[in-house]
Amino acid sequence: MYNLREGIAINFSVEGNSIVITPQKKYTLDELLLGMTSDKFHPEFETENAVGSEHW
């Protein structure tokens, strides 16, 4: 079974004359943060005054 159904996020690629469709991997928070170190965090910064309906 391919485990594909409506609403499943997919990746697709072309390999030669074939289209390859695979379900997207669901990452855990730990996997997403695995490579984060304190030197990779960006500092906060100020923006200009709101020009539309932004709320700060």
PDB file of N, CA and C in Angstrom:
ATOM      1  N   MET A   1       0.840  -1.176   0.000  1.00  0.00           N
ATOM      2  CA  MET A   1       0.000   0.000   0.000  1.00  0.00           C
ATOM      3  C   MET A   1       0.886   1.241   0.000  1.00  0.00           C
ATOM      4  N   TYR A   2       0.428   2.286  -0.626  1.00  0.00           N
ATOM      5  CA  TYR A   2       1.230   3.491  -0.774  1.00  0.00           C
ATOM      6  C   TYR A   2       1.023   4.506   0.334  1.00  0.00           C
ATOM      7  N   ASN A   3       0.011   4.334   1.175  1.00  0.00           N
ATOM      8  CA  ASN A   3      -0.257   5.216   2.306  1.00  0.00           C
ATOM      9  C   ASN A   3      -0.457   6.661   1.874  1.00  0.00           C
ATOM     10  N   LEU A   4      -0.975   6.873   0.665  1.00  0.00           N
ATOM     11  CA  LEU A   4      -1.311   8.209   0.194  1.00  0.00           C
ATOM     12  C   LEU A   4      -2.825   8.350   0.177  1.00  0.00           C
ATOM     13  N   ARG A   5      -3.294   9.495   0.631  1.00  0.00           N
ATOM     14  CA  ARG A   5      -4.730   9.767   0.609  1.00  0.00           C
ATOM     15  C   ARG A   5      -4.919  11.274   0.523  1.00  0.00           C
ATOM     16  N   GLU A   6      -6.116  11.696   0.285  1.00  0.00           N
ATOM     17  CA  GLU A   6      -6.416  13.109   0.162  1.00  0.00           C
ATOM     18  C   GLU A   6      -5.982  13.847   1.428  1.00  0.00           C
ATOM     19  N   GLY A   7      -5.318  14.976   1.255  1.00  0.00           N
ATOM     20  CA  GLY A   7      -4.880  15.796   2.377  1.00  0.00           C
ATOM     21  C   GLY A   7      -3.469  15.512   2.849  1.00  0.00           C
ATOM     22  N   ILE A   8      -2.829  14.455   2.346  1.00  0.00           N
ATOM     23  CA  ILE A   8      -1.455  14.129   2.724  1.00  0.00           C
ATOM     24  C   ILE A   8      -0.494  15.015   1.924  1.00  0.00           C
ATOM     25  N   ALA A   9       0.434  15.657   2.612  1.00  0.00           N
ATOM     26  CA  ALA A   9       1.452  16.465   1.928  1.00  0.00           C
ATOM     27  C   ALA A   9       2.437  15.525   1.233  1.00  0.00           C
ATOM     28  N   ILE A  10       2.815  15.889   0.016  1.00  0.00           N
ATOM     29  CA  ILE A  10       3.713  15.020  -0.751  1.00  0.00           C
ATOM     30  C   ILE A  10       4.894  15.807  -1.304  1.00  0.00           C
ATOM     31  N   ASN A  11       5.917  15.082  -1.650  1.00  0.00           N
ATOM     32  CA  ASN A  11       7.030  15.589  -2.447  1.00  0.00           C
ATOM     33  C   ASN A  11       6.954  14.860  -3.772  1.00  0.00           C
ATOM     34  N   PHE A  12       7.297  15.546  -4.850  1.00  0.00           N
ATOM     35  CA  PHE A  12       7.408  14.830  -6.106  1.00  0.00           C
ATOM     36  C   PHE A  12       8.643  15.299  -6.832  1.00  0.00           C
ATOM     37  N   SER A  13       9.221  14.393  -7.567  1.00  0.00           N
ATOM     38  CA  SER A  13      10.432  14.688  -8.315  1.00  0.00           C
ATOM     39  C   SER A  13      10.382  13.932  -9.632  1.00  0.00           C
ATOM     40  N   VAL A  14      11.239  14.334 -10.539  1.00  0.00           N
ATOM     41  CA  VAL A  14      11.350  13.666 -11.822  1.00  0.00           C
ATOM     42  C   VAL A  14      12.692  12.961 -11.860  1.00  0.00           C
ATOM     43  N   GLU A  15      12.666  11.680 -12.109  1.00  0.00           N
ATOM     44  CA  GLU A  15      13.883  10.879 -12.217  1.00  0.00           C
ATOM     45  C   GLU A  15      13.849  10.164 -13.555  1.00  0.00           C
ATOM     46  N   GLY A  16      14.644  10.654 -14.486  1.00  0.00           N
ATOM     47  CA  GLY A  16      14.609  10.099 -15.832  1.00  0.00           C
ATOM     48  C   GLY A  16      13.269  10.391 -16.465  1.00  0.00           C
ATOM     49  N   ASN A  17      12.555   9.349 -16.866  1.00  0.00           N
ATOM     50  CA  ASN A  17      11.225   9.502 -17.454  1.00  0.00           C
ATOM     51  C   ASN A  17      10.113   9.199 -16.463  1.00  0.00           C
ATOM     52  N   SER A  18      10.432   9.202 -15.176  1.00  0.00           N
ATOM     53  CA  SER A  18       9.442   8.844 -14.158  1.00  0.00           C
ATOM     54  C   SER A  18       9.163  10.019 -13.228  1.00  0.00           C
ATOM     55  N   ILE A  19       7.933  10.121 -12.773  1.00  0.00           N
ATOM     56  CA  ILE A  19       7.552  11.057 -11.719  1.00  0.00           C
ATOM     57  C   ILE A  19       7.475  10.240 -10.438  1.00  0.00           C
ATOM     58  N   VAL A  20       8.216  10.672  -9.418  1.00  0.00           N
ATOM     59  CA  VAL A  20       8.265   9.948  -8.142  1.00  0.00           C
ATOM     60  C   VAL A  20       7.507  10.773  -7.108  1.00  0.00           C
ATOM     61  N   ILE A  21       6.503  10.167  -6.495  1.00  0.00           N
ATOM     62  CA  ILE A  21       5.678  10.826  -5.487  1.00  0.00           C
ATOM     63  C   ILE A  21       5.891  10.109  -4.158  1.00  0.00           C
ATOM     64  N   THR A  22       6.268  10.885  -3.134  1.00  0.00           N
ATOM     65  CA  THR A  22       6.484  10.310  -1.805  1.00  0.00           C
ATOM     66  C   THR A  22       5.819  11.203  -0.761  1.00  0.00           C
ATOM     67  N   PRO A  23       5.295  10.615   0.320  1.00  0.00           N
ATOM     68  CA  PRO A  23       4.736  11.438   1.388  1.00  0.00           C
ATOM     69  C   PRO A  23       5.845  12.245   2.059  1.00  0.00           C
ATOM     70  N   GLN A  24       5.509  13.473   2.479  1.00  0.00           N
ATOM     71  CA  GLN A  24       6.495  14.285   3.188  1.00  0.00           C
ATOM     72  C   GLN A  24       6.705  13.715   4.580  1.00  0.00           C
ATOM     73  N   LYS A  25       7.943  13.767   5.025  1.00  0.00           N
ATOM     74  CA  LYS A  25       8.273  13.300   6.369  1.00  0.00           C
ATOM     75  C   LYS A  25       7.751  14.306   7.389  1.00  0.00           C
ATOM     76  N   LYS A  26       7.199  13.815   8.465  1.00  0.00           N
ATOM     77  CA  LYS A  26       6.791  14.678   9.573  1.00  0.00           C
ATOM     78  C   LYS A  26       7.932  14.690  10.575  1.00  0.00           C
ATOM     79  N   TYR A  27       8.472  15.869  10.834  1.00  0.00           N
ATOM     80  CA  TYR A  27       9.594  16.014  11.743  1.00  0.00           C
ATOM     81  C   TYR A  27       9.098  16.302  13.152  1.00  0.00           C
ATOM     82  N   THR A  28       9.818  15.796  14.132  1.00  0.00           N
ATOM     83  CA  THR A  28       9.533  16.140  15.525  1.00  0.00           C
ATOM     84  C   THR A  28      10.255  17.452  15.841  1.00  0.00           C
ATOM     85  N   LEU A  29       9.855  18.102  16.906  1.00  0.00           N
ATOM     86  CA  LEU A  29      10.525  19.328  17.316  1.00  0.00           C
ATOM     87  C   LEU A  29      11.994  19.071  17.597  1.00  0.00           C
ATOM     88  N   ASP A  30      12.301  17.956  18.221  1.00  0.00           N
ATOM     89  CA  ASP A  30      13.701  17.618  18.501  1.00  0.00           C
ATOM     90  C   ASP A  30      14.509  17.488  17.212  1.00  0.00           C
ATOM     91  N   GLU A  31      13.926  16.895  16.176  1.00  0.00           N
ATOM     92  CA  GLU A  31      14.629  16.773  14.892  1.00  0.00           C
ATOM     93  C   GLU A  31      14.851  18.140  14.254  1.00  0.00           C
ATOM     94  N   LEU A  32      13.851  19.016  14.343  1.00  0.00           N
ATOM     95  CA  LEU A  32      13.973  20.346  13.753  1.00  0.00           C
ATOM     96  C   LEU A  32      15.024  21.189  14.464  1.00  0.00           C
ATOM     97  N   LEU A  33      15.176  20.995  15.756  1.00  0.00           N
ATOM     98  CA  LEU A  33      16.118  21.796  16.538  1.00  0.00           C
ATOM     99  C   LEU A  33      17.482  21.136  16.696  1.00  0.00           C
ATOM    100  N   LEU A  34      17.664  19.981  16.092  1.00  0.00           N
ATOM    101  CA  LEU A  34      18.883  19.206  16.275  1.00  0.00           C
ATOM    102  C   LEU A  34      20.152  20.010  15.990  1.00  0.00           C
ATOM    103  N   GLY A  35      20.176  20.788  14.927  1.00  0.00           N
ATOM    104  CA  GLY A  35      21.385  21.518  14.568  1.00  0.00           C
ATOM    105  C   GLY A  35      21.478  22.914  15.157  1.00  0.00           C
ATOM    106  N   MET A  36      20.517  23.318  15.990  1.00  0.00           N
ATOM    107  CA  MET A  36      20.526  24.672  16.531  1.00  0.00           C
ATOM    108  C   MET A  36      21.515  24.789  17.691  1.00  0.00           C
ATOM    109  N   THR A  37      22.343  25.803  17.601  1.00  0.00           N
ATOM    110  CA  THR A  37      23.250  26.149  18.687  1.00  0.00           C
ATOM    111  C   THR A  37      23.089  27.634  18.954  1.00  0.00           C
ATOM    112  N   SER A  38      23.583  28.108  20.066  1.00  0.00           N
ATOM    113  CA  SER A  38      23.391  29.515  20.438  1.00  0.00           C
ATOM    114  C   SER A  38      23.992  30.471  19.412  1.00  0.00           C
ATOM    115  N   ASP A  39      25.026  30.064  18.689  1.00  0.00           N
ATOM    116  CA  ASP A  39      25.622  30.958  17.691  1.00  0.00           C
ATOM    117  C   ASP A  39      24.789  31.050  16.422  1.00  0.00           C
ATOM    118  N   LYS A  40      23.746  30.250  16.285  1.00  0.00           N
ATOM    119  CA  LYS A  40      22.892  30.296  15.099  1.00  0.00           C
ATOM    120  C   LYS A  40      21.622  31.110  15.317  1.00  0.00           C
ATOM    121  N   PHE A  41      21.376  31.571  16.542  1.00  0.00           N
ATOM    122  CA  PHE A  41      20.201  32.381  16.811  1.00  0.00           C
ATOM    123  C   PHE A  41      20.461  33.820  16.380  1.00  0.00           C
ATOM    124  N   HIS A  42      19.476  34.428  15.748  1.00  0.00           N
ATOM    125  CA  HIS A  42      19.600  35.815  15.304  1.00  0.00           C
ATOM    126  C   HIS A  42      19.031  36.743  16.372  1.00  0.00           C
ATOM    127  N   PRO A  43      19.626  37.913  16.541  1.00  0.00           N
ATOM    128  CA  PRO A  43      19.117  38.842  17.558  1.00  0.00           C
ATOM    129  C   PRO A  43      17.798  39.464  17.101  1.00  0.00           C
ATOM    130  N   GLU A  44      17.060  39.995  18.060  1.00  0.00           N
ATOM    131  CA  GLU A  44      15.843  40.726  17.740  1.00  0.00           C
ATOM    132  C   GLU A  44      16.221  42.031  17.074  1.00  0.00           C
ATOM    133  N   PHE A  45      15.298  42.614  16.324  1.00  0.00           N
ATOM    134  CA  PHE A  45      15.549  43.902  15.703  1.00  0.00           C
ATOM    135  C   PHE A  45      14.265  44.703  15.672  1.00  0.00           C
ATOM    136  N   GLU A  46      14.415  46.017  15.644  1.00  0.00           N
ATOM    137  CA  GLU A  46      13.273  46.916  15.615  1.00  0.00           C
ATOM    138  C   GLU A  46      12.858  47.169  14.171  1.00  0.00           C
ATOM    139  N   THR A  47      11.564  47.330  13.975  1.00  0.00           N
ATOM    140  CA  THR A  47      11.052  47.681  12.653  1.00  0.00           C
ATOM    141  C   THR A  47      10.505  49.099  12.709  1.00  0.00           C
ATOM    142  N   GLU A  48      10.180  49.632  11.578  1.00  0.00           N
ATOM    143  CA  GLU A  48       9.633  50.993  11.507  1.00  0.00           C
ATOM    144  C   GLU A  48       8.196  51.005  12.040  1.00  0.00           C
ATOM    145  N   ASN A  49       7.593  52.190  12.029  1.00  0.00           N
ATOM    146  CA  ASN A  49       6.226  52.334  12.474  1.00  0.00           C
ATOM    147  C   ASN A  49       5.290  51.556  11.546  1.00  0.00           C
ATOM    148  N   ALA A  50       4.145  51.147  12.106  1.00  0.00           N
ATOM    149  CA  ALA A  50       3.150  50.421  11.307  1.00  0.00           C
ATOM    150  C   ALA A  50       2.656  51.309  10.178  1.00  0.00           C
ATOM    151  N   VAL A  51       2.451  50.734   9.008  1.00  0.00           N
ATOM    152  CA  VAL A  51       1.955  51.499   7.855  1.00  0.00           C
ATOM    153  C   VAL A  51       0.573  51.058   7.429  1.00  0.00           C
ATOM    154  N   GLY A  52       0.062  50.045   8.036  1.00  0.00           N
ATOM    155  CA  GLY A  52      -1.259  49.530   7.701  1.00  0.00           C
ATOM    156  C   GLY A  52      -2.020  49.191   8.960  1.00  0.00           C
ATOM    157  N   SER A  53      -2.536  47.996   9.011  1.00  0.00           N
ATOM    158  CA  SER A  53      -3.325  47.586  10.176  1.00  0.00           C
ATOM    159  C   SER A  53      -2.551  46.632  11.085  1.00  0.00           C
ATOM    160  N   GLU A  54      -1.204  46.759  11.076  1.00  0.00           N
ATOM    161  CA  GLU A  54      -0.393  45.902  11.933  1.00  0.00           C
ATOM    162  C   GLU A  54      -0.624  46.272  13.400  1.00  0.00           C
ATOM    163  N   HIS A  55      -0.564  45.287  14.241  1.00  0.00           N
ATOM    164  CA  HIS A  55      -0.679  45.518  15.690  1.00  0.00           C
ATOM    165  C   HIS A  55       0.547  44.933  16.345  1.00  0.00           C
ATOM    166  N   TRP A  56       1.263  45.712  17.151  1.00  0.00           N
ATOM    167  CA  TRP A  56       2.492  45.269  17.807  1.00  0.00           C
ATOM    168  C   TRP A  56       2.277  45.132  19.265  1.00  0.00           C
TER     169      TRP A  56
END
